[in-house]
Amino acid sequence: MRTPAGKECRYFYGDYYRGRNNEECLLLKSTNPPLPWKAVLCSSCPVPEILMANACTNMEFSARLDRPFPFTKQKVGIIPVCRKTGKTGFDPHVGCGNCTELPDIFSKFETP
């Protein structure tokens, strides 16, 4: 679904049926305790770009709200976790490196 920032995100949910205006982030809602969501958080959220770059079905996100410096705006921070290997702390744009194998054509090339 399209977020208020204009990006496509599978964690955003908006209910507009018959005049309703209920919007929420399912990623922030799934944390324990649930984190408060505001529409301005969607503009700085890295999840839509990560989902466009990496379509791994084994990757999950653990969300948090970060404030880089006092008196600055909150930003959504994520920690990627691979369900298959259990790895954390990898670059989510690339993936953990174990779920998706490179085709054999790339292993034939040797660097001089």
PDB file of N, CA and C in Angstrom:
ATOM      1  N   MET A   1       0.844  -1.169   0.000  1.00  0.00           N
ATOM      2  CA  MET A   1       0.000   0.000   0.000  1.00  0.00           C
ATOM      3  C   MET A   1       0.893   1.237   0.000  1.00  0.00           C
ATOM      4  N   ARG A   2       0.428   2.289  -0.598  1.00  0.00           N
ATOM      5  CA  ARG A   2       1.191   3.520  -0.705  1.00  0.00           C
ATOM      6  C   ARG A   2       1.124   4.303   0.608  1.00  0.00           C
ATOM      7  N   THR A   3       2.294   4.702   1.098  1.00  0.00           N
ATOM      8  CA  THR A   3       2.409   5.430   2.363  1.00  0.00           C
ATOM      9  C   THR A   3       2.088   6.917   2.151  1.00  0.00           C
ATOM     10  N   PRO A   4       1.934   7.680   3.233  1.00  0.00           N
ATOM     11  CA  PRO A   4       1.740   9.126   3.075  1.00  0.00           C
ATOM     12  C   PRO A   4       2.929   9.815   2.407  1.00  0.00           C
ATOM     13  N   ALA A   5       4.108   9.198   2.440  1.00  0.00           N
ATOM     14  CA  ALA A   5       5.283   9.769   1.776  1.00  0.00           C
ATOM     15  C   ALA A   5       5.324   9.414   0.293  1.00  0.00           C
ATOM     16  N   GLY A   6       4.395   8.602  -0.173  1.00  0.00           N
ATOM     17  CA  GLY A   6       4.310   8.254  -1.586  1.00  0.00           C
ATOM     18  C   GLY A   6       5.097   7.023  -1.977  1.00  0.00           C
ATOM     19  N   LYS A   7       5.566   6.248  -1.009  1.00  0.00           N
ATOM     20  CA  LYS A   7       6.339   5.042  -1.286  1.00  0.00           C
ATOM     21  C   LYS A   7       5.451   3.816  -1.086  1.00  0.00           C
ATOM     22  N   GLU A   8       5.791   2.751  -1.753  1.00  0.00           N
ATOM     23  CA  GLU A   8       5.066   1.498  -1.635  1.00  0.00           C
ATOM     24  C   GLU A   8       5.684   0.681  -0.497  1.00  0.00           C
ATOM     25  N   CYS A   9       4.870   0.274   0.495  1.00  0.00           N
ATOM     26  CA  CYS A   9       5.379  -0.472   1.649  1.00  0.00           C
ATOM     27  C   CYS A   9       4.351  -1.500   2.087  1.00  0.00           C
ATOM     28  N   ARG A  10       4.812  -2.735   2.309  1.00  0.00           N
ATOM     29  CA  ARG A  10       3.882  -3.792   2.712  1.00  0.00           C
ATOM     30  C   ARG A  10       3.511  -3.710   4.188  1.00  0.00           C
ATOM     31  N   TYR A  11       4.208  -2.903   4.967  1.00  0.00           N
ATOM     32  CA  TYR A  11       3.912  -2.768   6.391  1.00  0.00           C
ATOM     33  C   TYR A  11       2.944  -1.623   6.695  1.00  0.00           C
ATOM     34  N   PHE A  12       2.639  -0.797   5.725  1.00  0.00           N
ATOM     35  CA  PHE A  12       1.706   0.306   5.944  1.00  0.00           C
ATOM     36  C   PHE A  12       0.288  -0.176   5.667  1.00  0.00           C
ATOM     37  N   TYR A  13      -0.650   0.215   6.517  1.00  0.00           N
ATOM     38  CA  TYR A  13      -2.053  -0.152   6.327  1.00  0.00           C
ATOM     39  C   TYR A  13      -2.907   1.093   6.485  1.00  0.00           C
ATOM     40  N   GLY A  14      -3.776   1.324   5.528  1.00  0.00           N
ATOM     41  CA  GLY A  14      -4.703   2.442   5.583  1.00  0.00           C
ATOM     42  C   GLY A  14      -6.125   1.964   5.339  1.00  0.00           C
ATOM     43  N   ASP A  15      -7.035   2.318   6.217  1.00  0.00           N
ATOM     44  CA  ASP A  15      -8.448   1.952   6.086  1.00  0.00           C
ATOM     45  C   ASP A  15      -9.220   3.225   5.779  1.00  0.00           C
ATOM     46  N   TYR A  16      -9.665   3.337   4.535  1.00  0.00           N
ATOM     47  CA  TYR A  16     -10.375   4.539   4.084  1.00  0.00           C
ATOM     48  C   TYR A  16     -11.816   4.233   3.694  1.00  0.00           C
ATOM     49  N   TYR A  17     -12.321   3.094   4.068  1.00  0.00           N
ATOM     50  CA  TYR A  17     -13.660   2.665   3.674  1.00  0.00           C
ATOM     51  C   TYR A  17     -14.724   3.540   4.331  1.00  0.00           C
ATOM     52  N   ARG A  18     -15.607   4.086   3.526  1.00  0.00           N
ATOM     53  CA  ARG A  18     -16.737   4.920   3.969  1.00  0.00           C
ATOM     54  C   ARG A  18     -16.324   6.055   4.890  1.00  0.00           C
ATOM     55  N   GLY A  19     -15.321   6.789   4.485  1.00  0.00           N
ATOM     56  CA  GLY A  19     -14.925   7.981   5.214  1.00  0.00           C
ATOM     57  C   GLY A  19     -13.968   7.755   6.363  1.00  0.00           C
ATOM     58  N   ARG A  20     -13.595   6.518   6.611  1.00  0.00           N
ATOM     59  CA  ARG A  20     -12.628   6.269   7.680  1.00  0.00           C
ATOM     60  C   ARG A  20     -11.256   6.784   7.255  1.00  0.00           C
ATOM     61  N   ASN A  21     -10.451   7.109   8.223  1.00  0.00           N
ATOM     62  CA  ASN A  21      -9.104   7.560   7.944  1.00  0.00           C
ATOM     63  C   ASN A  21      -8.155   6.946   8.979  1.00  0.00           C
ATOM     64  N   ASN A  22      -8.130   5.608   9.030  1.00  0.00           N
ATOM     65  CA  ASN A  22      -7.275   4.891   9.970  1.00  0.00           C
ATOM     66  C   ASN A  22      -6.007   4.453   9.246  1.00  0.00           C
ATOM     67  N   GLU A  23      -4.872   4.930   9.715  1.00  0.00           N
ATOM     68  CA  GLU A  23      -3.587   4.571   9.128  1.00  0.00           C
ATOM     69  C   GLU A  23      -2.679   4.069  10.239  1.00  0.00           C
ATOM     70  N   GLU A  24      -1.866   3.044   9.916  1.00  0.00           N
ATOM     71  CA  GLU A  24      -0.941   2.516  10.899  1.00  0.00           C
ATOM     72  C   GLU A  24       0.215   1.806  10.209  1.00  0.00           C
ATOM     73  N   CYS A  25       1.294   1.693  10.923  1.00  0.00           N
ATOM     74  CA  CYS A  25       2.467   0.955  10.453  1.00  0.00           C
ATOM     75  C   CYS A  25       2.479  -0.374  11.199  1.00  0.00           C
ATOM     76  N   LEU A  26       2.335  -1.458  10.462  1.00  0.00           N
ATOM     77  CA  LEU A  26       2.282  -2.770  11.089  1.00  0.00           C
ATOM     78  C   LEU A  26       3.635  -3.195  11.647  1.00  0.00           C
ATOM     79  N   LEU A  27       4.707  -2.643  11.110  1.00  0.00           N
ATOM     80  CA  LEU A  27       6.040  -2.957  11.616  1.00  0.00           C
ATOM     81  C   LEU A  27       6.238  -2.358  13.011  1.00  0.00           C
ATOM     82  N   LEU A  28       5.859  -1.101  13.188  1.00  0.00           N
ATOM     83  CA  LEU A  28       5.979  -0.465  14.509  1.00  0.00           C
ATOM     84  C   LEU A  28       4.961  -1.024  15.488  1.00  0.00           C
ATOM     85  N   LYS A  29       3.814  -1.441  14.978  1.00  0.00           N
ATOM     86  CA  LYS A  29       2.780  -1.997  15.840  1.00  0.00           C
ATOM     87  C   LYS A  29       3.152  -3.381  16.360  1.00  0.00           C
ATOM     88  N   SER A  30       4.013  -4.100  15.616  1.00  0.00           N
ATOM     89  CA  SER A  30       4.375  -5.465  16.005  1.00  0.00           C
ATOM     90  C   SER A  30       5.440  -5.523  17.094  1.00  0.00           C
ATOM     91  N   THR A  31       6.059  -4.400  17.435  1.00  0.00           N
ATOM     92  CA  THR A  31       7.066  -4.410  18.496  1.00  0.00           C
ATOM     93  C   THR A  31       6.394  -4.545  19.856  1.00  0.00           C
ATOM     94  N   ASN A  32       7.182  -4.916  20.852  1.00  0.00           N
ATOM     95  CA  ASN A  32       6.619  -5.078  22.179  1.00  0.00           C
ATOM     96  C   ASN A  32       7.358  -4.154  23.138  1.00  0.00           C
ATOM     97  N   PRO A  33       6.771  -3.119  23.664  1.00  0.00           N
ATOM     98  CA  PRO A  33       5.431  -2.590  23.453  1.00  0.00           C
ATOM     99  C   PRO A  33       5.321  -1.888  22.106  1.00  0.00           C
ATOM    100  N   PRO A  34       4.110  -1.760  21.570  1.00  0.00           N
ATOM    101  CA  PRO A  34       3.938  -1.105  20.270  1.00  0.00           C
ATOM    102  C   PRO A  34       4.443   0.335  20.280  1.00  0.00           C
ATOM    103  N   LEU A  35       5.167   0.691  19.231  1.00  0.00           N
ATOM    104  CA  LEU A  35       5.711   2.047  19.122  1.00  0.00           C
ATOM    105  C   LEU A  35       4.686   2.962  18.470  1.00  0.00           C
ATOM    106  N   PRO A  36       4.620   4.220  18.892  1.00  0.00           N
ATOM    107  CA  PRO A  36       3.655   5.153  18.292  1.00  0.00           C
ATOM    108  C   PRO A  36       4.063   5.524  16.869  1.00  0.00           C
ATOM    109  N   TRP A  37       3.093   5.542  15.968  1.00  0.00           N
ATOM    110  CA  TRP A  37       3.355   5.860  14.570  1.00  0.00           C
ATOM    111  C   TRP A  37       2.755   7.222  14.230  1.00  0.00           C
ATOM    112  N   LYS A  38       3.504   8.003  13.439  1.00  0.00           N
ATOM    113  CA  LYS A  38       3.023   9.271  12.886  1.00  0.00           C
ATOM    114  C   LYS A  38       3.341   9.253  11.397  1.00  0.00           C
ATOM    115  N   ALA A  39       2.583   9.983  10.613  1.00  0.00           N
ATOM    116  CA  ALA A  39       2.751   9.977   9.158  1.00  0.00           C
ATOM    117  C   ALA A  39       4.111  10.515   8.729  1.00  0.00           C
ATOM    118  N   VAL A  40       4.707  11.403   9.519  1.00  0.00           N
ATOM    119  CA  VAL A  40       6.014  11.965   9.143  1.00  0.00           C
ATOM    120  C   VAL A  40       7.128  10.928   9.232  1.00  0.00           C
ATOM    121  N   LEU A  41       6.938   9.841   9.962  1.00  0.00           N
ATOM    122  CA  LEU A  41       7.953   8.798  10.059  1.00  0.00           C
ATOM    123  C   LEU A  41       8.140   8.063   8.735  1.00  0.00           C
ATOM    124  N   CYS A  42       7.112   8.038   7.893  1.00  0.00           N
ATOM    125  CA  CYS A  42       7.206   7.342   6.607  1.00  0.00           C
ATOM    126  C   CYS A  42       8.209   8.005   5.665  1.00  0.00           C
ATOM    127  N   SER A  43       8.433   9.290   5.801  1.00  0.00           N
ATOM    128  CA  SER A  43       9.354   9.973   4.887  1.00  0.00           C
ATOM    129  C   SER A  43      10.812   9.598   5.151  1.00  0.00           C
ATOM    130  N   SER A  44      11.147   9.203   6.373  1.00  0.00           N
ATOM    131  CA  SER A  44      12.529   8.843   6.682  1.00  0.00           C
ATOM    132  C   SER A  44      12.711   7.343   6.895  1.00  0.00           C
ATOM    133  N   CYS A  45      11.698   6.550   6.627  1.00  0.00           N
ATOM    134  CA  CYS A  45      11.763   5.108   6.866  1.00  0.00           C
ATOM    135  C   CYS A  45      12.557   4.410   5.756  1.00  0.00           C
ATOM    136  N   PRO A  46      13.525   3.558   6.109  1.00  0.00           N
ATOM    137  CA  PRO A  46      14.332   2.881   5.094  1.00  0.00           C
ATOM    138  C   PRO A  46      13.697   1.619   4.533  1.00  0.00           C
ATOM    139  N   VAL A  47      12.599   1.154   5.091  1.00  0.00           N
ATOM    140  CA  VAL A  47      12.027  -0.138   4.703  1.00  0.00           C
ATOM    141  C   VAL A  47      11.553  -0.184   3.254  1.00  0.00           C
ATOM    142  N   PRO A  48      10.845   0.818   2.704  1.00  0.00           N
ATOM    143  CA  PRO A  48      10.416   0.705   1.302  1.00  0.00           C
ATOM    144  C   PRO A  48      11.574   0.555   0.321  1.00  0.00           C
ATOM    145  N   GLU A  49      12.679   1.258   0.539  1.00  0.00           N
ATOM    146  CA  GLU A  49      13.834   1.115  -0.352  1.00  0.00           C
ATOM    147  C   GLU A  49      14.473  -0.261  -0.213  1.00  0.00           C
ATOM    148  N   ILE A  50      14.506  -0.791   0.993  1.00  0.00           N
ATOM    149  CA  ILE A  50      15.079  -2.121   1.210  1.00  0.00           C
ATOM    150  C   ILE A  50      14.224  -3.175   0.528  1.00  0.00           C
ATOM    151  N   LEU A  51      12.913  -3.044   0.614  1.00  0.00           N
ATOM    152  CA  LEU A  51      12.028  -4.022  -0.016  1.00  0.00           C
ATOM    153  C   LEU A  51      12.128  -3.975  -1.533  1.00  0.00           C
ATOM    154  N   MET A  52      12.424  -2.801  -2.104  1.00  0.00           N
ATOM    155  CA  MET A  52      12.622  -2.724  -3.547  1.00  0.00           C
ATOM    156  C   MET A  52      13.961  -3.332  -3.952  1.00  0.00           C
ATOM    157  N   ALA A  53      14.980  -3.215  -3.120  1.00  0.00           N
ATOM    158  CA  ALA A  53      16.310  -3.709  -3.455  1.00  0.00           C
ATOM    159  C   ALA A  53      16.463  -5.200  -3.197  1.00  0.00           C
ATOM    160  N   ASN A  54      15.775  -5.730  -2.188  1.00  0.00           N
ATOM    161  CA  ASN A  54      15.964  -7.120  -1.784  1.00  0.00           C
ATOM    162  C   ASN A  54      14.602  -7.751  -1.537  1.00  0.00           C
ATOM    163  N   ALA A  55      14.290  -8.790  -2.292  1.00  0.00           N
ATOM    164  CA  ALA A  55      12.992  -9.456  -2.163  1.00  0.00           C
ATOM    165  C   ALA A  55      13.103 -10.786  -1.428  1.00  0.00           C
ATOM    166  N   CYS A  56      14.080 -10.929  -0.565  1.00  0.00           N
ATOM    167  CA  CYS A  56      14.275 -12.172   0.183  1.00  0.00           C
ATOM    168  C   CYS A  56      13.087 -12.396   1.117  1.00  0.00           C
ATOM    169  N   THR A  57      12.498 -13.574   1.049  1.00  0.00           N
ATOM    170  CA  THR A  57      11.334 -13.875   1.885  1.00  0.00           C
ATOM    171  C   THR A  57      11.739 -14.264   3.300  1.00  0.00           C
ATOM    172  N   ASN A  58      13.015 -14.536   3.533  1.00  0.00           N
ATOM    173  CA  ASN A  58      13.484 -14.939   4.862  1.00  0.00           C
ATOM    174  C   ASN A  58      13.897 -13.762   5.733  1.00  0.00           C
ATOM    175  N   MET A  59      13.917 -12.554   5.183  1.00  0.00           N
ATOM    176  CA  MET A  59      14.368 -11.391   5.939  1.00  0.00           C
ATOM    177  C   MET A  59      13.210 -10.769   6.709  1.00  0.00           C
ATOM    178  N   GLU A  60      13.434 -10.569   7.989  1.00  0.00           N
ATOM    179  CA  GLU A  60      12.471  -9.893   8.851  1.00  0.00           C
ATOM    180  C   GLU A  60      13.136  -8.650   9.424  1.00  0.00           C
ATOM    181  N   PHE A  61      12.309  -7.721   9.880  1.00  0.00           N
ATOM    182  CA  PHE A  61      12.819  -6.483  10.448  1.00  0.00           C
ATOM    183  C   PHE A  61      12.379  -6.346  11.892  1.00  0.00           C
ATOM    184  N   SER A  62      13.274  -5.843  12.710  1.00  0.00           N
ATOM    185  CA  SER A  62      12.954  -5.450  14.067  1.00  0.00           C
ATOM    186  C   SER A  62      13.074  -3.928  14.089  1.00  0.00           C
ATOM    187  N   ALA A  63      11.990  -3.243  14.417  1.00  0.00           N
ATOM    188  CA  ALA A  63      11.956  -1.781  14.301  1.00  0.00           C
ATOM    189  C   ALA A  63      12.200  -1.104  15.644  1.00  0.00           C
ATOM    190  N   ARG A  64      12.726   0.114  15.543  1.00  0.00           N
ATOM    191  CA  ARG A  64      12.898   0.965  16.709  1.00  0.00           C
ATOM    192  C   ARG A  64      12.801   2.415  16.247  1.00  0.00           C
ATOM    193  N   LEU A  65      12.541   3.308  17.168  1.00  0.00           N
ATOM    194  CA  LEU A  65      12.520   4.736  16.854  1.00  0.00           C
ATOM    195  C   LEU A  65      13.799   5.357  17.378  1.00  0.00           C
ATOM    196  N   ASP A  66      14.555   5.969  16.487  1.00  0.00           N
ATOM    197  CA  ASP A  66      15.828   6.586  16.841  1.00  0.00           C
ATOM    198  C   ASP A  66      15.713   8.099  16.789  1.00  0.00           C
ATOM    199  N   ARG A  67      16.475   8.734  17.621  1.00  0.00           N
ATOM    200  CA  ARG A  67      16.625  10.185  17.595  1.00  0.00           C
ATOM    201  C   ARG A  67      18.131  10.434  17.596  1.00  0.00           C
ATOM    202  N   PRO A  68      18.712  10.745  16.407  1.00  0.00           N
ATOM    203  CA  PRO A  68      20.171  10.848  16.306  1.00  0.00           C
ATOM    204  C   PRO A  68      20.783  11.831  17.302  1.00  0.00           C
ATOM    205  N   PHE A  69      20.181  12.969  17.448  1.00  0.00           N
ATOM    206  CA  PHE A  69      20.651  13.979  18.385  1.00  0.00           C
ATOM    207  C   PHE A  69      19.448  14.498  19.160  1.00  0.00           C
ATOM    208  N   PRO A  70      19.652  14.987  20.376  1.00  0.00           N
ATOM    209  CA  PRO A  70      18.526  15.567  21.101  1.00  0.00           C
ATOM    210  C   PRO A  70      17.912  16.724  20.307  1.00  0.00           C
ATOM    211  N   PHE A  71      16.640  16.865  20.404  1.00  0.00           N
ATOM    212  CA  PHE A  71      15.872  17.924  19.755  1.00  0.00           C
ATOM    213  C   PHE A  71      15.828  17.778  18.239  1.00  0.00           C
ATOM    214  N   THR A  72      16.056  16.596  17.699  1.00  0.00           N
ATOM    215  CA  THR A  72      15.886  16.348  16.265  1.00  0.00           C
ATOM    216  C   THR A  72      14.684  15.435  16.079  1.00  0.00           C
ATOM    217  N   LYS A  73      14.266  15.285  14.841  1.00  0.00           N
ATOM    218  CA  LYS A  73      13.106  14.459  14.537  1.00  0.00           C
ATOM    219  C   LYS A  73      13.431  12.979  14.725  1.00  0.00           C
ATOM    220  N   GLN A  74      12.412  12.229  15.101  1.00  0.00           N
ATOM    221  CA  GLN A  74      12.571  10.787  15.230  1.00  0.00           C
ATOM    222  C   GLN A  74      12.663  10.151  13.853  1.00  0.00           C
ATOM    223  N   LYS A  75      13.403   9.051  13.774  1.00  0.00           N
ATOM    224  CA  LYS A  75      13.530   8.289  12.543  1.00  0.00           C
ATOM    225  C   LYS A  75      13.319   6.820  12.863  1.00  0.00           C
ATOM    226  N   VAL A  76      12.836   6.086  11.886  1.00  0.00           N
ATOM    227  CA  VAL A  76      12.656   4.653  12.048  1.00  0.00           C
ATOM    228  C   VAL A  76      13.993   3.970  11.792  1.00  0.00           C
ATOM    229  N   GLY A  77      14.418   3.184  12.731  1.00  0.00           N
ATOM    230  CA  GLY A  77      15.621   2.385  12.582  1.00  0.00           C
ATOM    231  C   GLY A  77      15.238   0.920  12.545  1.00  0.00           C
ATOM    232  N   ILE A  78      15.963   0.134  11.783  1.00  0.00           N
ATOM    233  CA  ILE A  78      15.629  -1.280  11.682  1.00  0.00           C
ATOM    234  C   ILE A  78      16.857  -2.136  11.949  1.00  0.00           C
ATOM    235  N   ILE A  79      16.592  -3.340  12.387  1.00  0.00           N
ATOM    236  CA  ILE A  79      17.614  -4.363  12.535  1.00  0.00           C
ATOM    237  C   ILE A  79      17.141  -5.546  11.702  1.00  0.00           C
ATOM    238  N   PRO A  80      17.863  -5.878  10.631  1.00  0.00           N
ATOM    239  CA  PRO A  80      17.445  -7.012   9.803  1.00  0.00           C
ATOM    240  C   PRO A  80      17.841  -8.340  10.456  1.00  0.00           C
ATOM    241  N   VAL A  81      16.946  -9.306  10.326  1.00  0.00           N
ATOM    242  CA  VAL A  81      17.181 -10.642  10.865  1.00  0.00           C
ATOM    243  C   VAL A  81      16.803 -11.650   9.796  1.00  0.00           C
ATOM    244  N   CYS A  82      17.675 -12.626   9.546  1.00  0.00           N
ATOM    245  CA  CYS A  82      17.383 -13.685   8.582  1.00  0.00           C
ATOM    246  C   CYS A  82      16.761 -14.853   9.333  1.00  0.00           C
ATOM    247  N   ARG A  83      15.568 -15.251   8.935  1.00  0.00           N
ATOM    248  CA  ARG A  83      14.902 -16.378   9.584  1.00  0.00           C
ATOM    249  C   ARG A  83      15.595 -17.701   9.285  1.00  0.00           C
ATOM    250  N   LYS A  84      16.186 -17.817   8.111  1.00  0.00           N
ATOM    251  CA  LYS A  84      16.805 -19.073   7.685  1.00  0.00           C
ATOM    252  C   LYS A  84      18.119 -19.339   8.409  1.00  0.00           C
ATOM    253  N   THR A  85      18.981 -18.338   8.470  1.00  0.00           N
ATOM    254  CA  THR A  85      20.305 -18.527   9.061  1.00  0.00           C
ATOM    255  C   THR A  85      20.429 -17.951  10.470  1.00  0.00           C
ATOM    256  N   GLY A  86      19.531 -17.051  10.847  1.00  0.00           N
ATOM    257  CA  GLY A  86      19.597 -16.434  12.166  1.00  0.00           C
ATOM    258  C   GLY A  86      20.596 -15.295  12.250  1.00  0.00           C
ATOM    259  N   LYS A  87      21.167 -14.877  11.122  1.00  0.00           N
ATOM    260  CA  LYS A  87      22.152 -13.796  11.115  1.00  0.00           C
ATOM    261  C   LYS A  87      21.485 -12.446  11.351  1.00  0.00           C
ATOM    262  N   THR A  88      22.209 -11.549  12.000  1.00  0.00           N
ATOM    263  CA  THR A  88      21.775 -10.169  12.176  1.00  0.00           C
ATOM    264  C   THR A  88      22.956  -9.271  11.838  1.00  0.00           C
ATOM    265  N   GLY A  89      22.675  -8.001  11.665  1.00  0.00           N
ATOM    266  CA  GLY A  89      23.737  -7.036  11.447  1.00  0.00           C
ATOM    267  C   GLY A  89      24.304  -7.001  10.045  1.00  0.00           C
ATOM    268  N   PHE A  90      23.615  -7.527   9.062  1.00  0.00           N
ATOM    269  CA  PHE A  90      24.080  -7.474   7.678  1.00  0.00           C
ATOM    270  C   PHE A  90      23.409  -6.307   6.962  1.00  0.00           C
ATOM    271  N   ASP A  91      23.915  -5.981   5.784  1.00  0.00           N
ATOM    272  CA  ASP A  91      23.331  -4.906   4.980  1.00  0.00           C
ATOM    273  C   ASP A  91      22.012  -5.414   4.394  1.00  0.00           C
ATOM    274  N   PRO A  92      20.866  -4.839   4.780  1.00  0.00           N
ATOM    275  CA  PRO A  92      19.585  -5.367   4.305  1.00  0.00           C
ATOM    276  C   PRO A  92      19.345  -5.134   2.812  1.00  0.00           C
ATOM    277  N   HIS A  93      20.049  -4.183   2.201  1.00  0.00           N
ATOM    278  CA  HIS A  93      19.886  -3.974   0.761  1.00  0.00           C
ATOM    279  C   HIS A  93      20.464  -5.140  -0.033  1.00  0.00           C
ATOM    280  N   VAL A  94      21.476  -5.808   0.519  1.00  0.00           N
ATOM    281  CA  VAL A  94      22.148  -6.913  -0.157  1.00  0.00           C
ATOM    282  C   VAL A  94      21.615  -8.254   0.331  1.00  0.00           C
ATOM    283  N   GLY A  95      21.400  -8.406   1.618  1.00  0.00           N
ATOM    284  CA  GLY A  95      20.938  -9.653   2.195  1.00  0.00           C
ATOM    285  C   GLY A  95      22.034 -10.302   3.015  1.00  0.00           C
ATOM    286  N   CYS A  96      21.729 -11.463   3.588  1.00  0.00           N
ATOM    287  CA  CYS A  96      22.686 -12.136   4.470  1.00  0.00           C
ATOM    288  C   CYS A  96      23.775 -12.863   3.691  1.00  0.00           C
ATOM    289  N   GLY A  97      23.528 -13.184   2.441  1.00  0.00           N
ATOM    290  CA  GLY A  97      24.524 -13.858   1.624  1.00  0.00           C
ATOM    291  C   GLY A  97      24.366 -15.360   1.560  1.00  0.00           C
ATOM    292  N   ASN A  98      23.494 -15.925   2.363  1.00  0.00           N
ATOM    293  CA  ASN A  98      23.299 -17.370   2.363  1.00  0.00           C
ATOM    294  C   ASN A  98      21.986 -17.804   1.742  1.00  0.00           C
ATOM    295  N   CYS A  99      21.010 -16.949   1.694  1.00  0.00           N
ATOM    296  CA  CYS A  99      19.687 -17.336   1.189  1.00  0.00           C
ATOM    297  C   CYS A  99      19.654 -17.437  -0.339  1.00  0.00           C
ATOM    298  N   THR A 100      20.310 -16.530  -1.007  1.00  0.00           N
ATOM    299  CA  THR A 100      20.280 -16.498  -2.458  1.00  0.00           C
ATOM    300  C   THR A 100      21.667 -16.839  -2.991  1.00  0.00           C
ATOM    301  N   GLU A 101      21.731 -17.886  -3.765  1.00  0.00           N
ATOM    302  CA  GLU A 101      22.997 -18.306  -4.359  1.00  0.00           C
ATOM    303  C   GLU A 101      23.203 -17.563  -5.676  1.00  0.00           C
ATOM    304  N   LEU A 102      24.445 -17.226  -5.979  1.00  0.00           N
ATOM    305  CA  LEU A 102      24.768 -16.629  -7.264  1.00  0.00           C
ATOM    306  C   LEU A 102      24.750 -17.711  -8.337  1.00  0.00           C
ATOM    307  N   PRO A 103      24.314 -17.392  -9.547  1.00  0.00           N
ATOM    308  CA  PRO A 103      24.365 -18.379 -10.617  1.00  0.00           C
ATOM    309  C   PRO A 103      25.796 -18.794 -10.927  1.00  0.00           C
ATOM    310  N   ASP A 104      25.963 -19.980 -11.498  1.00  0.00           N
ATOM    311  CA  ASP A 104      27.292 -20.523 -11.792  1.00  0.00           C
ATOM    312  C   ASP A 104      28.079 -19.659 -12.763  1.00  0.00           C
ATOM    313  N   ILE A 105      27.403 -18.923 -13.600  1.00  0.00           N
ATOM    314  CA  ILE A 105      28.088 -18.098 -14.597  1.00  0.00           C
ATOM    315  C   ILE A 105      29.001 -17.070 -13.939  1.00  0.00           C
ATOM    316  N   PHE A 106      28.653 -16.610 -12.730  1.00  0.00           N
ATOM    317  CA  PHE A 106      29.475 -15.621 -12.042  1.00  0.00           C
ATOM    318  C   PHE A 106      30.699 -16.247 -11.376  1.00  0.00           C
ATOM    319  N   SER A 107      30.658 -17.527 -11.070  1.00  0.00           N
ATOM    320  CA  SER A 107      31.804 -18.173 -10.431  1.00  0.00           C
ATOM    321  C   SER A 107      32.879 -18.582 -11.435  1.00  0.00           C
ATOM    322  N   LYS A 108      32.577 -18.557 -12.739  1.00  0.00           N
ATOM    323  CA  LYS A 108      33.542 -18.942 -13.760  1.00  0.00           C
ATOM    324  C   LYS A 108      34.573 -17.855 -14.009  1.00  0.00           C
ATOM    325  N   PHE A 109      34.234 -16.618 -13.714  1.00  0.00           N
ATOM    326  CA  PHE A 109      35.150 -15.516 -13.972  1.00  0.00           C
ATOM    327  C   PHE A 109      36.172 -15.410 -12.847  1.00  0.00           C
ATOM    328  N   GLU A 110      37.408 -15.318 -13.223  1.00  0.00           N
ATOM    329  CA  GLU A 110      38.471 -15.136 -12.234  1.00  0.00           C
ATOM    330  C   GLU A 110      39.064 -13.755 -12.381  1.00  0.00           C
ATOM    331  N   THR A 111      39.449 -13.168 -11.280  1.00  0.00           N
ATOM    332  CA  THR A 111      40.078 -11.853 -11.333  1.00  0.00           C
ATOM    333  C   THR A 111      41.578 -12.028 -11.444  1.00  0.00           C
ATOM    334  N   PRO A 112      42.240 -11.236 -12.267  1.00  0.00           N
ATOM    335  CA  PRO A 112      43.694 -11.381 -12.430  1.00  0.00           C
ATOM    336  C   PRO A 112      44.457 -10.866 -11.235  1.00  0.00           C
TER     337      PRO A 112
END
